[in-house]
Amino acid sequence: MVEYPHMSQRDIVCKATLDTFVRFGIVIAALLGFAVYFFYDGYTGYAKQNEAICSYRAFAQLGSTTAQHSAAGWQAMLSMRPLIPTVEENGQLLAQGDKGSRYPLPANCEAARSCPPEALDHAAMNRSWSDCWAAYSKRMRYPIKPGDHPYDEGAIREQWYAGTAFTIIGLTLLGLALRTHKRELSLRGATVTAAGQSFLISDIECIDLRQWGTGFKGVAYMTVGGKKVRFDGMTYGGFNKDKGEPAEALMQAILAQYKGDIIEYEKTTAQDS
């Protein structure tokens, strides 16, 4: 067994470090931020994009047929129909696409109720439907060139699924952060507390230190009752030298009382050639 220097007996308690909660916070904020983004697209974002895309397509289709109609015929045809043909199902406004596809639209979609004046202007549409679209898109605050493909009901369901998944993962991590906040690594007399468990030093059968001092791991494993208990010094206490390396001090205090087996990497020395 490796010999360790004796340390004075005192209670040592290591709480989770600030860095641990900063990392938790960054990841949780990112996950919940993505969830909000997905829910927004599922609730209204994709529907608004569909409104712009379907309106653009309607202007393009009308522009290709303007020359086939007189001004009077144009007015008579469009004054009786909306810019975007739709159906309503379970309170959801749906644009009809090719091959039976349907694209959800906002409930207040203007183009689903009437044909806008920019499209009703036969002379302007005959000259350049794209100019009429530019005027309409500016008024409606649409992009001048919307996306190529609208989002069908399946794509919107996927946003809800993704938002739900990110929310569950984010809340799970939040729960882990709260559990971490409540836990500690400690030595009180001869009682060790780690990974939410408390046990006597005399109950430890083996201490595995192979990952304790390697790189940034700072993790050891203590075998108690045939089961491994994780001793996470990076999360609890840490190794900040300005603070006296709390996790290392705790480990050394335990080892000063421990008389059992220790596993660690063998230390080799260079041989003279």
C-alpha atoms as a PDB file:
ATOM      1  CA  MET A   1       0.000   0.000   0.000  1.00  0.00           C
ATOM      2  CA  VAL A   2       1.253   3.490  -0.786  1.00  0.00           C
ATOM      3  CA  GLU A   3       2.106   5.536   2.291  1.00  0.00           C
ATOM      4  CA  TYR A   4       0.598   9.025   2.603  1.00  0.00           C
ATOM      5  CA  PRO A   5       1.622  11.750   5.022  1.00  0.00           C
ATOM      6  CA  HIS A   6      -0.479  12.068   8.165  1.00  0.00           C
ATOM      7  CA  MET A   7      -2.892  14.973   8.307  1.00  0.00           C
ATOM      8  CA  SER A   8      -4.609  16.475  11.323  1.00  0.00           C
ATOM      9  CA  GLN A   9      -8.082  15.129  11.919  1.00  0.00           C
ATOM     10  CA  ARG A  10     -10.758  17.695  11.130  1.00  0.00           C
ATOM     11  CA  ASP A  11     -14.092  17.862   9.373  1.00  0.00           C
ATOM     12  CA  ILE A  12     -13.805  18.851   5.726  1.00  0.00           C
ATOM     13  CA  VAL A  13     -16.865  19.676   3.622  1.00  0.00           C
ATOM     14  CA  CYS A  14     -16.648  20.310  -0.137  1.00  0.00           C
ATOM     15  CA  LYS A  15     -19.649  21.810  -1.889  1.00  0.00           C
ATOM     16  CA  ALA A  16     -20.117  22.006  -5.650  1.00  0.00           C
ATOM     17  CA  THR A  17     -17.892  24.644  -7.237  1.00  0.00           C
ATOM     18  CA  LEU A  18     -19.122  27.793  -8.945  1.00  0.00           C
ATOM     19  CA  ASP A  19     -17.619  26.541 -12.222  1.00  0.00           C
ATOM     20  CA  THR A  20     -19.873  23.494 -12.017  1.00  0.00           C
ATOM     21  CA  PHE A  21     -23.006  25.633 -11.874  1.00  0.00           C
ATOM     22  CA  VAL A  22     -21.725  27.938 -14.620  1.00  0.00           C
ATOM     23  CA  ARG A  23     -21.359  24.906 -16.895  1.00  0.00           C
ATOM     24  CA  PHE A  24     -24.795  23.648 -15.894  1.00  0.00           C
ATOM     25  CA  GLY A  25     -26.258  27.097 -16.523  1.00  0.00           C
ATOM     26  CA  ILE A  26     -24.747  27.447 -19.991  1.00  0.00           C
ATOM     27  CA  VAL A  27     -25.972  24.037 -21.135  1.00  0.00           C
ATOM     28  CA  ILE A  28     -29.446  24.416 -19.584  1.00  0.00           C
ATOM     29  CA  ALA A  29     -29.871  27.899 -21.081  1.00  0.00           C
ATOM     30  CA  ALA A  30     -28.844  26.595 -24.506  1.00  0.00           C
ATOM     31  CA  LEU A  31     -31.227  23.631 -24.334  1.00  0.00           C
ATOM     32  CA  LEU A  32     -34.204  25.669 -23.136  1.00  0.00           C
ATOM     33  CA  GLY A  33     -33.342  28.399 -25.646  1.00  0.00           C
ATOM     34  CA  PHE A  34     -33.507  25.857 -28.463  1.00  0.00           C
ATOM     35  CA  ALA A  35     -36.772  24.547 -27.024  1.00  0.00           C
ATOM     36  CA  VAL A  36     -38.311  28.040 -27.146  1.00  0.00           C
ATOM     37  CA  TYR A  37     -37.050  28.434 -30.718  1.00  0.00           C
ATOM     38  CA  PHE A  38     -38.625  25.135 -31.798  1.00  0.00           C
ATOM     39  CA  PHE A  39     -41.903  25.886 -30.011  1.00  0.00           C
ATOM     40  CA  TYR A  40     -42.036  29.324 -31.629  1.00  0.00           C
ATOM     41  CA  ASP A  41     -41.612  27.813 -35.090  1.00  0.00           C
ATOM     42  CA  GLY A  42     -44.203  25.154 -34.309  1.00  0.00           C
ATOM     43  CA  TYR A  43     -46.710  27.631 -32.911  1.00  0.00           C
ATOM     44  CA  THR A  44     -46.341  30.578 -35.290  1.00  0.00           C
ATOM     45  CA  GLY A  45     -42.922  30.840 -36.963  1.00  0.00           C
ATOM     46  CA  TYR A  46     -43.461  28.253 -39.693  1.00  0.00           C
ATOM     47  CA  ALA A  47     -47.029  29.440 -40.286  1.00  0.00           C
ATOM     48  CA  LYS A  48     -45.779  33.000 -40.880  1.00  0.00           C
ATOM     49  CA  GLN A  49     -43.131  31.738 -43.267  1.00  0.00           C
ATOM     50  CA  ASN A  50     -45.789  29.703 -45.079  1.00  0.00           C
ATOM     51  CA  GLU A  51     -47.884  32.852 -45.456  1.00  0.00           C
ATOM     52  CA  ALA A  52     -45.010  34.657 -47.174  1.00  0.00           C
ATOM     53  CA  ILE A  53     -44.023  31.700 -49.367  1.00  0.00           C
ATOM     54  CA  CYS A  54     -47.583  30.908 -50.475  1.00  0.00           C
ATOM     55  CA  SER A  55     -48.262  34.594 -51.175  1.00  0.00           C
ATOM     56  CA  TYR A  56     -45.144  34.813 -53.321  1.00  0.00           C
ATOM     57  CA  ARG A  57     -46.180  31.702 -55.242  1.00  0.00           C
ATOM     58  CA  ALA A  58     -49.679  33.133 -55.759  1.00  0.00           C
ATOM     59  CA  PHE A  59     -48.258  36.379 -57.190  1.00  0.00           C
ATOM     60  CA  ALA A  60     -45.998  34.402 -59.522  1.00  0.00           C
ATOM     61  CA  GLN A  61     -48.894  32.237 -60.754  1.00  0.00           C
ATOM     62  CA  LEU A  62     -51.140  35.267 -61.281  1.00  0.00           C
ATOM     63  CA  GLY A  63     -48.361  37.091 -63.066  1.00  0.00           C
ATOM     64  CA  SER A  64     -48.055  34.289 -65.599  1.00  0.00           C
ATOM     65  CA  THR A  65     -51.769  34.606 -66.534  1.00  0.00           C
ATOM     66  CA  THR A  66     -52.315  38.393 -66.454  1.00  0.00           C
ATOM     67  CA  ALA A  67     -52.081  38.800 -70.208  1.00  0.00           C
ATOM     68  CA  GLN A  68     -54.874  36.281 -70.700  1.00  0.00           C
ATOM     69  CA  HIS A  69     -57.436  38.530 -69.009  1.00  0.00           C
ATOM     70  CA  SER A  70     -58.888  41.954 -69.588  1.00  0.00           C
ATOM     71  CA  ALA A  71     -58.787  44.505 -66.789  1.00  0.00           C
ATOM     72  CA  ALA A  72     -62.515  44.018 -66.117  1.00  0.00           C
ATOM     73  CA  GLY A  73     -62.236  40.254 -66.209  1.00  0.00           C
ATOM     74  CA  TRP A  74     -59.209  40.405 -63.892  1.00  0.00           C
ATOM     75  CA  GLN A  75     -61.086  42.474 -61.346  1.00  0.00           C
ATOM     76  CA  ALA A  76     -64.159  40.237 -61.538  1.00  0.00           C
ATOM     77  CA  MET A  77     -62.056  37.070 -61.094  1.00  0.00           C
ATOM     78  CA  LEU A  78     -59.909  38.249 -58.168  1.00  0.00           C
ATOM     79  CA  SER A  79     -62.455  40.282 -56.261  1.00  0.00           C
ATOM     80  CA  MET A  80     -64.377  37.091 -55.555  1.00  0.00           C
ATOM     81  CA  ARG A  81     -61.447  34.999 -54.244  1.00  0.00           C
ATOM     82  CA  PRO A  82     -58.567  35.253 -51.767  1.00  0.00           C
ATOM     83  CA  LEU A  83     -54.961  35.385 -52.843  1.00  0.00           C
ATOM     84  CA  ILE A  84     -54.274  32.016 -51.184  1.00  0.00           C
ATOM     85  CA  PRO A  85     -56.961  29.304 -51.465  1.00  0.00           C
ATOM     86  CA  THR A  86     -57.415  27.664 -48.064  1.00  0.00           C
ATOM     87  CA  VAL A  87     -59.405  25.189 -46.053  1.00  0.00           C
ATOM     88  CA  GLU A  88     -60.038  25.247 -42.314  1.00  0.00           C
ATOM     89  CA  GLU A  89     -59.756  22.160 -40.168  1.00  0.00           C
ATOM     90  CA  ASN A  90     -60.077  22.025 -36.383  1.00  0.00           C
ATOM     91  CA  GLY A  91     -59.615  25.765 -36.230  1.00  0.00           C
ATOM     92  CA  GLN A  92     -56.394  25.638 -38.283  1.00  0.00           C
ATOM     93  CA  LEU A  93     -56.166  27.573 -41.554  1.00  0.00           C
ATOM     94  CA  LEU A  94     -54.444  25.456 -44.226  1.00  0.00           C
ATOM     95  CA  ALA A  95     -53.153  26.432 -47.659  1.00  0.00           C
ATOM     96  CA  GLN A  96     -53.681  23.795 -50.317  1.00  0.00           C
ATOM     97  CA  GLY A  97     -50.502  22.634 -52.010  1.00  0.00           C
ATOM     98  CA  ASP A  98     -49.625  20.180 -54.765  1.00  0.00           C
ATOM     99  CA  LYS A  99     -50.388  16.475 -54.387  1.00  0.00           C
ATOM    100  CA  GLY A 100     -52.681  17.044 -51.435  1.00  0.00           C
ATOM    101  CA  SER A 101     -50.105  18.732 -49.247  1.00  0.00           C
ATOM    102  CA  ARG A 102     -51.366  21.338 -46.795  1.00  0.00           C
ATOM    103  CA  TYR A 103     -49.484  24.191 -45.197  1.00  0.00           C
ATOM    104  CA  PRO A 104     -50.650  25.776 -41.924  1.00  0.00           C
ATOM    105  CA  LEU A 105     -51.150  29.558 -42.007  1.00  0.00           C
ATOM    106  CA  PRO A 106     -51.662  32.153 -39.263  1.00  0.00           C
ATOM    107  CA  ALA A 107     -55.267  32.584 -38.163  1.00  0.00           C
ATOM    108  CA  ASN A 108     -55.159  36.268 -39.170  1.00  0.00           C
ATOM    109  CA  CYS A 109     -53.693  35.638 -42.628  1.00  0.00           C
ATOM    110  CA  GLU A 110     -54.870  38.544 -44.817  1.00  0.00           C
ATOM    111  CA  ALA A 111     -54.155  36.722 -48.079  1.00  0.00           C
ATOM    112  CA  ALA A 112     -56.539  33.932 -47.052  1.00  0.00           C
ATOM    113  CA  ARG A 113     -59.452  36.379 -46.780  1.00  0.00           C
ATOM    114  CA  SER A 114     -59.089  38.554 -49.878  1.00  0.00           C
ATOM    115  CA  CYS A 115     -56.870  39.434 -52.795  1.00  0.00           C
ATOM    116  CA  PRO A 116     -54.626  42.429 -51.968  1.00  0.00           C
ATOM    117  CA  PRO A 117     -54.830  45.639 -54.027  1.00  0.00           C
ATOM    118  CA  GLU A 118     -51.303  45.091 -55.345  1.00  0.00           C
ATOM    119  CA  ALA A 119     -52.498  41.950 -57.133  1.00  0.00           C
ATOM    120  CA  LEU A 120     -55.826  43.500 -58.229  1.00  0.00           C
ATOM    121  CA  ASP A 121     -54.009  46.166 -60.272  1.00  0.00           C
ATOM    122  CA  HIS A 122     -54.188  44.508 -63.703  1.00  0.00           C
ATOM    123  CA  ALA A 123     -52.018  47.051 -65.491  1.00  0.00           C
ATOM    124  CA  ALA A 124     -49.263  46.891 -62.873  1.00  0.00           C
ATOM    125  CA  MET A 125     -49.357  43.100 -62.738  1.00  0.00           C
ATOM    126  CA  ASN A 126     -49.193  42.957 -66.526  1.00  0.00           C
ATOM    127  CA  ARG A 127     -46.109  45.177 -66.539  1.00  0.00           C
ATOM    128  CA  SER A 128     -44.265  43.344 -63.752  1.00  0.00           C
ATOM    129  CA  TRP A 129     -45.813  41.076 -61.182  1.00  0.00           C
ATOM    130  CA  SER A 130     -42.496  41.067 -59.302  1.00  0.00           C
ATOM    131  CA  ASP A 131     -42.798  44.839 -58.738  1.00  0.00           C
ATOM    132  CA  CYS A 132     -46.297  44.308 -57.388  1.00  0.00           C
ATOM    133  CA  TRP A 133     -44.958  41.576 -55.136  1.00  0.00           C
ATOM    134  CA  ALA A 134     -42.175  43.879 -53.941  1.00  0.00           C
ATOM    135  CA  ALA A 135     -44.755  46.498 -52.969  1.00  0.00           C
ATOM    136  CA  TYR A 136     -46.941  43.923 -51.222  1.00  0.00           C
ATOM    137  CA  SER A 137     -44.046  42.236 -49.404  1.00  0.00           C
ATOM    138  CA  LYS A 138     -42.827  45.624 -48.182  1.00  0.00           C
ATOM    139  CA  ARG A 139     -46.266  46.462 -46.818  1.00  0.00           C
ATOM    140  CA  MET A 140     -46.600  43.056 -45.182  1.00  0.00           C
ATOM    141  CA  ARG A 141     -42.969  42.994 -44.043  1.00  0.00           C
ATOM    142  CA  TYR A 142     -42.231  39.771 -45.881  1.00  0.00           C
ATOM    143  CA  PRO A 143     -38.783  38.996 -47.272  1.00  0.00           C
ATOM    144  CA  ILE A 144     -38.542  39.963 -50.930  1.00  0.00           C
ATOM    145  CA  LYS A 145     -37.539  36.360 -51.695  1.00  0.00           C
ATOM    146  CA  PRO A 146     -39.133  33.925 -49.236  1.00  0.00           C
ATOM    147  CA  GLY A 147     -37.982  30.333 -48.885  1.00  0.00           C
ATOM    148  CA  ASP A 148     -38.490  27.845 -51.685  1.00  0.00           C
ATOM    149  CA  HIS A 149     -40.529  25.313 -49.772  1.00  0.00           C
ATOM    150  CA  PRO A 150     -43.398  25.880 -47.323  1.00  0.00           C
ATOM    151  CA  TYR A 151     -43.660  23.730 -44.212  1.00  0.00           C
ATOM    152  CA  ASP A 152     -46.345  21.095 -44.100  1.00  0.00           C
ATOM    153  CA  GLU A 153     -48.136  19.772 -41.029  1.00  0.00           C
ATOM    154  CA  GLY A 154     -45.510  17.061 -40.525  1.00  0.00           C
ATOM    155  CA  ALA A 155     -42.676  19.588 -40.402  1.00  0.00           C
ATOM    156  CA  ILE A 156     -44.548  21.629 -37.808  1.00  0.00           C
ATOM    157  CA  ARG A 157     -45.192  18.541 -35.678  1.00  0.00           C
ATOM    158  CA  GLU A 158     -41.449  17.879 -35.764  1.00  0.00           C
ATOM    159  CA  GLN A 159     -40.853  21.316 -34.234  1.00  0.00           C
ATOM    160  CA  TRP A 160     -43.171  20.461 -31.362  1.00  0.00           C
ATOM    161  CA  TYR A 161     -41.449  17.112 -30.864  1.00  0.00           C
ATOM    162  CA  ALA A 162     -38.007  18.754 -30.902  1.00  0.00           C
ATOM    163  CA  GLY A 163     -39.118  21.492 -28.514  1.00  0.00           C
ATOM    164  CA  THR A 164     -40.545  18.906 -26.126  1.00  0.00           C
ATOM    165  CA  ALA A 165     -37.362  16.809 -26.261  1.00  0.00           C
ATOM    166  CA  PHE A 166     -35.101  19.802 -25.580  1.00  0.00           C
ATOM    167  CA  THR A 167     -37.366  20.895 -22.735  1.00  0.00           C
ATOM    168  CA  ILE A 168     -37.233  17.464 -21.105  1.00  0.00           C
ATOM    169  CA  ILE A 169     -33.441  17.304 -21.414  1.00  0.00           C
ATOM    170  CA  GLY A 170     -33.057  20.851 -20.108  1.00  0.00           C
ATOM    171  CA  LEU A 171     -35.339  20.228 -17.114  1.00  0.00           C
ATOM    172  CA  THR A 172     -33.549  16.949 -16.414  1.00  0.00           C
ATOM    173  CA  LEU A 173     -30.244  18.799 -16.275  1.00  0.00           C
ATOM    174  CA  LEU A 174     -31.853  21.433 -14.061  1.00  0.00           C
ATOM    175  CA  GLY A 175     -32.895  18.640 -11.707  1.00  0.00           C
ATOM    176  CA  LEU A 176     -29.329  17.302 -11.726  1.00  0.00           C
ATOM    177  CA  ALA A 177     -28.023  20.793 -10.953  1.00  0.00           C
ATOM    178  CA  LEU A 178     -30.401  21.083  -7.985  1.00  0.00           C
ATOM    179  CA  ARG A 179     -29.348  17.650  -6.767  1.00  0.00           C
ATOM    180  CA  THR A 180     -25.700  18.634  -7.142  1.00  0.00           C
ATOM    181  CA  HIS A 181     -26.379  21.791  -5.119  1.00  0.00           C
ATOM    182  CA  LYS A 182     -27.756  19.705  -2.264  1.00  0.00           C
ATOM    183  CA  ARG A 183     -24.940  17.139  -2.284  1.00  0.00           C
ATOM    184  CA  GLU A 184     -21.424  17.356  -0.926  1.00  0.00           C
ATOM    185  CA  LEU A 185     -18.136  15.522  -0.516  1.00  0.00           C
ATOM    186  CA  SER A 186     -17.209  15.484   3.123  1.00  0.00           C
ATOM    187  CA  LEU A 187     -15.298  13.848   5.912  1.00  0.00           C
ATOM    188  CA  ARG A 188     -16.807  14.228   9.361  1.00  0.00           C
ATOM    189  CA  GLY A 189     -14.758  12.300  11.864  1.00  0.00           C
ATOM    190  CA  ALA A 190     -14.506   8.869  10.238  1.00  0.00           C
ATOM    191  CA  THR A 191     -17.631   9.238   8.090  1.00  0.00           C
ATOM    192  CA  VAL A 192     -17.282   9.927   4.358  1.00  0.00           C
ATOM    193  CA  THR A 193     -20.125  11.359   2.279  1.00  0.00           C
ATOM    194  CA  ALA A 194     -19.920  11.003  -1.516  1.00  0.00           C
ATOM    195  CA  ALA A 195     -22.439  10.602  -4.350  1.00  0.00           C
ATOM    196  CA  GLY A 196     -25.303  11.032  -1.898  1.00  0.00           C
ATOM    197  CA  GLN A 197     -24.085   8.158   0.330  1.00  0.00           C
ATOM    198  CA  SER A 198     -22.461   8.138   3.754  1.00  0.00           C
ATOM    199  CA  PHE A 199     -20.160   5.389   5.009  1.00  0.00           C
ATOM    200  CA  LEU A 200     -17.294   4.850   7.419  1.00  0.00           C
ATOM    201  CA  ILE A 201     -13.692   4.870   6.242  1.00  0.00           C
ATOM    202  CA  SER A 202     -13.404   1.392   7.731  1.00  0.00           C
ATOM    203  CA  ASP A 203     -16.166   0.240   5.315  1.00  0.00           C
ATOM    204  CA  ILE A 204     -14.079   1.181   2.266  1.00  0.00           C
ATOM    205  CA  GLU A 205     -12.634  -1.936   0.645  1.00  0.00           C
ATOM    206  CA  CYS A 206     -10.549  -0.232  -2.036  1.00  0.00           C
ATOM    207  CA  ILE A 207      -9.804   3.275  -3.359  1.00  0.00           C
ATOM    208  CA  ASP A 208      -9.130   3.622  -7.085  1.00  0.00           C
ATOM    209  CA  LEU A 209      -7.013   6.728  -7.693  1.00  0.00           C
ATOM    210  CA  ARG A 210      -6.103   6.080 -11.318  1.00  0.00           C
ATOM    211  CA  GLN A 211      -8.178   9.027 -12.540  1.00  0.00           C
ATOM    212  CA  TRP A 212      -7.631  11.255  -9.555  1.00  0.00           C
ATOM    213  CA  GLY A 213      -4.489  13.038 -10.645  1.00  0.00           C
ATOM    214  CA  THR A 214      -4.647  12.539 -14.420  1.00  0.00           C
ATOM    215  CA  GLY A 215      -5.453  15.496 -16.644  1.00  0.00           C
ATOM    216  CA  PHE A 216      -8.673  17.255 -15.677  1.00  0.00           C
ATOM    217  CA  LYS A 217     -10.555  14.229 -14.375  1.00  0.00           C
ATOM    218  CA  GLY A 218     -10.140  14.513 -10.609  1.00  0.00           C
ATOM    219  CA  VAL A 219     -12.365  11.492 -10.003  1.00  0.00           C
ATOM    220  CA  ALA A 220     -11.747   8.554  -7.694  1.00  0.00           C
ATOM    221  CA  TYR A 221     -13.812   5.461  -6.940  1.00  0.00           C
ATOM    222  CA  MET A 222     -14.294   3.941  -3.506  1.00  0.00           C
ATOM    223  CA  THR A 223     -15.540   0.376  -3.256  1.00  0.00           C
ATOM    224  CA  VAL A 224     -18.021   0.021  -0.411  1.00  0.00           C
ATOM    225  CA  GLY A 225     -20.002  -3.177   0.085  1.00  0.00           C
ATOM    226  CA  GLY A 226     -18.834  -4.438  -3.286  1.00  0.00           C
ATOM    227  CA  LYS A 227     -20.159  -1.356  -5.116  1.00  0.00           C
ATOM    228  CA  LYS A 228     -18.209   1.575  -6.531  1.00  0.00           C
ATOM    229  CA  VAL A 229     -18.980   5.024  -5.178  1.00  0.00           C
ATOM    230  CA  ARG A 230     -17.930   7.972  -7.332  1.00  0.00           C
ATOM    231  CA  PHE A 231     -15.768  10.544  -5.534  1.00  0.00           C
ATOM    232  CA  ASP A 232     -15.921  13.597  -7.846  1.00  0.00           C
ATOM    233  CA  GLY A 233     -13.363  16.164  -6.776  1.00  0.00           C
ATOM    234  CA  MET A 234     -13.728  18.270  -9.909  1.00  0.00           C
ATOM    235  CA  THR A 235     -17.388  18.942  -9.166  1.00  0.00           C
ATOM    236  CA  TYR A 236     -17.134  19.178  -5.384  1.00  0.00           C
ATOM    237  CA  GLY A 237     -14.392  21.284  -3.870  1.00  0.00           C
ATOM    238  CA  GLY A 238     -12.197  21.471  -6.934  1.00  0.00           C
ATOM    239  CA  PHE A 239      -8.440  21.880  -7.161  1.00  0.00           C
ATOM    240  CA  ASN A 240      -8.001  25.641  -7.070  1.00  0.00           C
ATOM    241  CA  LYS A 241      -4.601  26.192  -5.461  1.00  0.00           C
ATOM    242  CA  ASP A 242      -5.617  29.657  -4.283  1.00  0.00           C
ATOM    243  CA  LYS A 243      -8.298  27.982  -2.169  1.00  0.00           C
ATOM    244  CA  GLY A 244      -6.006  25.248  -0.902  1.00  0.00           C
ATOM    245  CA  GLU A 245      -7.152  22.519  -3.326  1.00  0.00           C
ATOM    246  CA  PRO A 246     -10.188  21.523  -1.216  1.00  0.00           C
ATOM    247  CA  ALA A 247     -10.826  18.217  -2.984  1.00  0.00           C
ATOM    248  CA  GLU A 248      -7.188  17.138  -2.650  1.00  0.00           C
ATOM    249  CA  ALA A 249      -7.138  18.141   1.022  1.00  0.00           C
ATOM    250  CA  LEU A 250     -10.257  16.049   1.578  1.00  0.00           C
ATOM    251  CA  MET A 251      -8.769  13.031  -0.179  1.00  0.00           C
ATOM    252  CA  GLN A 252      -5.548  13.264   1.799  1.00  0.00           C
ATOM    253  CA  ALA A 253      -7.503  13.501   5.058  1.00  0.00           C
ATOM    254  CA  ILE A 254      -9.346  10.295   4.127  1.00  0.00           C
ATOM    255  CA  LEU A 255      -6.156   8.528   3.103  1.00  0.00           C
ATOM    256  CA  ALA A 256      -4.526   9.494   6.391  1.00  0.00           C
ATOM    257  CA  GLN A 257      -7.088   7.301   8.169  1.00  0.00           C
ATOM    258  CA  TYR A 258      -7.509   4.634   5.481  1.00  0.00           C
ATOM    259  CA  LYS A 259      -5.639   1.324   5.836  1.00  0.00           C
ATOM    260  CA  GLY A 260      -6.993  -0.650   2.892  1.00  0.00           C
ATOM    261  CA  ASP A 261      -6.045  -1.245  -0.739  1.00  0.00           C
ATOM    262  CA  ILE A 262      -5.270   1.591  -3.131  1.00  0.00           C
ATOM    263  CA  ILE A 263      -5.104   1.331  -6.907  1.00  0.00           C
ATOM    264  CA  GLU A 264      -3.084   3.921  -8.796  1.00  0.00           C
ATOM    265  CA  TYR A 265      -0.915   4.089 -11.865  1.00  0.00           C
ATOM    266  CA  GLU A 266       2.559   2.754 -11.337  1.00  0.00           C
ATOM    267  CA  LYS A 267       5.214   5.436 -11.280  1.00  0.00           C
ATOM    268  CA  THR A 268       8.234   4.531 -13.395  1.00  0.00           C
ATOM    269  CA  THR A 269      11.648   6.119 -13.409  1.00  0.00           C
ATOM    270  CA  ALA A 270      13.927   6.482 -16.394  1.00  0.00           C
ATOM    271  CA  GLN A 271      16.635   3.857 -16.614  1.00  0.00           C
ATOM    272  CA  ASP A 272      20.234   4.831 -17.306  1.00  0.00           C
ATOM    273  CA  SER A 273      21.334   3.509 -20.652  1.00  0.00           C
END
